């Protein structure tokens, strides 16, 4: 009987730990950032395909086959000069996650 209670206690502790970890990651924006980066991947791939096909990056994201985002986004494309672009989304007030085509990396 003691072994069964111990197993139930351990199971409950694990579930509680996972719940609080999820809440913490949600409040810190980690889950949202991960989700939006994953949603940005097809856009980045289409932009790169557009460049290979046409020799230059699209002026607007709709040229690459994506709808133009409204003011609330959540993901934006911006041509920076003729040879690079950024894809970005807002995180907290005044903070964004930005993909830079020059470095092929995300920055905050």
Protein backbone atom coordinates (compact mmCIF):
# COMPACT_ATOMS: atom_id res chain seq x y z
CA UNK A 1 0.00 0.00 0.00
CA UNK A 2 2.86 2.42 0.78
CA UNK A 3 4.41 1.77 -2.63
CA UNK A 4 1.14 2.70 -4.36
CA UNK A 5 0.91 5.99 -2.41
CA UNK A 6 4.52 6.78 -3.27
CA UNK A 7 3.86 6.19 -6.98
CA UNK A 8 0.75 8.41 -6.85
CA UNK A 9 2.73 11.13 -5.05
CA UNK A 10 5.54 11.00 -7.63
CA UNK A 11 3.05 11.10 -10.51
CA UNK A 12 1.22 14.05 -8.99
CA UNK A 13 4.55 15.84 -8.39
CA UNK A 14 5.59 15.37 -12.01
CA UNK A 15 2.26 16.70 -13.30
CA UNK A 16 2.49 19.69 -10.97
CA UNK A 17 6.07 20.38 -12.07
CA UNK A 18 5.10 20.23 -15.75
CA UNK A 19 2.14 22.53 -15.17
CA UNK A 20 4.25 25.18 -13.43
CA UNK A 21 6.98 24.88 -16.08
CA UNK A 22 4.37 25.50 -18.80
CA UNK A 23 2.98 28.51 -16.92
CA UNK A 24 6.49 29.93 -16.44
CA UNK A 25 7.39 29.47 -20.12
CA UNK A 26 4.09 31.03 -21.17
CA UNK A 27 4.61 34.12 -19.04
CA UNK A 28 8.18 34.59 -20.23
CA UNK A 29 7.12 34.35 -23.90
CA UNK A 30 9.28 31.32 -24.70
CA UNK A 31 6.37 29.27 -26.05
CA UNK A 32 5.04 32.16 -28.17
CA UNK A 33 8.52 32.87 -29.57
CA UNK A 34 9.06 29.20 -30.45
CA UNK A 35 5.65 28.99 -32.14
CA UNK A 36 6.12 32.16 -34.20
CA UNK A 37 9.62 31.17 -35.29
CA UNK A 38 8.23 27.84 -36.45
CA UNK A 39 5.40 29.64 -38.31
CA UNK A 40 8.00 31.92 -39.95
CA UNK A 41 9.98 29.04 -41.47
CA UNK A 42 7.72 28.53 -44.54
CA UNK A 43 7.79 32.28 -45.19
CA UNK A 44 11.59 32.37 -45.09
CA UNK A 45 11.79 29.32 -47.39
CA UNK A 46 9.41 30.96 -49.92
CA UNK A 47 11.40 34.21 -49.83
CA UNK A 48 14.62 32.31 -50.55
CA UNK A 49 12.91 30.35 -53.36
CA UNK A 50 11.67 33.63 -54.81
CA UNK A 51 15.25 34.98 -54.81
CA UNK A 52 16.55 31.85 -56.58
CA UNK A 53 13.79 32.03 -59.20
CA UNK A 54 13.83 35.81 -59.82
CA UNK A 55 17.34 36.88 -58.84
CA UNK A 56 16.14 39.32 -56.17
CA UNK A 57 14.08 39.34 -53.00
CA UNK A 58 10.39 40.25 -53.15
CA UNK A 59 9.47 43.86 -52.40
CA UNK A 60 6.36 42.72 -50.54
CA UNK A 61 5.62 39.39 -48.91
CA UNK A 62 2.56 39.03 -51.13
CA UNK A 63 4.95 38.77 -54.12
CA UNK A 64 6.18 35.50 -52.57
CA UNK A 65 2.63 34.16 -52.16
CA UNK A 66 1.81 35.19 -48.60
CA UNK A 67 -0.94 37.60 -47.63
CA UNK A 68 0.15 41.01 -46.39
CA UNK A 69 -0.21 41.09 -42.60
CA UNK A 70 -2.52 43.66 -41.07
CA UNK A 71 -1.31 46.03 -38.38
CA UNK A 72 -1.57 43.35 -35.70
CA UNK A 73 0.72 40.94 -37.56
CA UNK A 74 1.83 38.72 -36.06
CA UNK A 75 4.74 38.13 -38.50
CA UNK A 76 6.19 40.84 -40.72
CA UNK A 77 8.56 40.95 -43.71
CA UNK A 78 10.73 43.91 -44.59
CA UNK A 79 13.15 44.26 -47.49
CA UNK A 80 16.41 45.86 -46.32
CA UNK A 81 18.26 47.19 -49.35
CA UNK A 82 18.36 44.92 -52.37
CA UNK A 83 20.31 41.97 -50.99
CA UNK A 84 18.82 41.27 -47.59
CA UNK A 85 15.60 41.25 -45.60
CA UNK A 86 14.27 40.75 -42.13
CA UNK A 87 11.33 38.73 -40.84
CA UNK A 88 10.19 39.81 -37.41
CA UNK A 89 7.48 39.67 -34.80
CA UNK A 90 6.86 41.54 -31.58
CA UNK A 91 7.53 39.93 -28.24
CA UNK A 92 7.06 42.31 -25.32
CA UNK A 93 6.47 46.04 -25.57
CA UNK A 94 9.51 47.44 -27.34
CA UNK A 95 11.09 44.05 -28.02
CA UNK A 96 11.09 41.96 -31.20
CA UNK A 97 12.54 38.70 -32.46
CA UNK A 98 14.21 39.39 -35.80
CA UNK A 99 15.45 36.97 -38.48
CA UNK A 100 18.25 38.58 -40.49
CA UNK A 101 18.88 37.12 -43.94
CA UNK A 102 22.53 38.22 -43.81
CA UNK A 103 23.33 36.08 -40.79
CA UNK A 104 20.49 33.53 -41.24
CA UNK A 105 19.91 33.83 -37.48
CA UNK A 106 17.27 35.09 -35.09
CA UNK A 107 18.16 37.99 -32.77
CA UNK A 108 16.27 39.75 -30.00
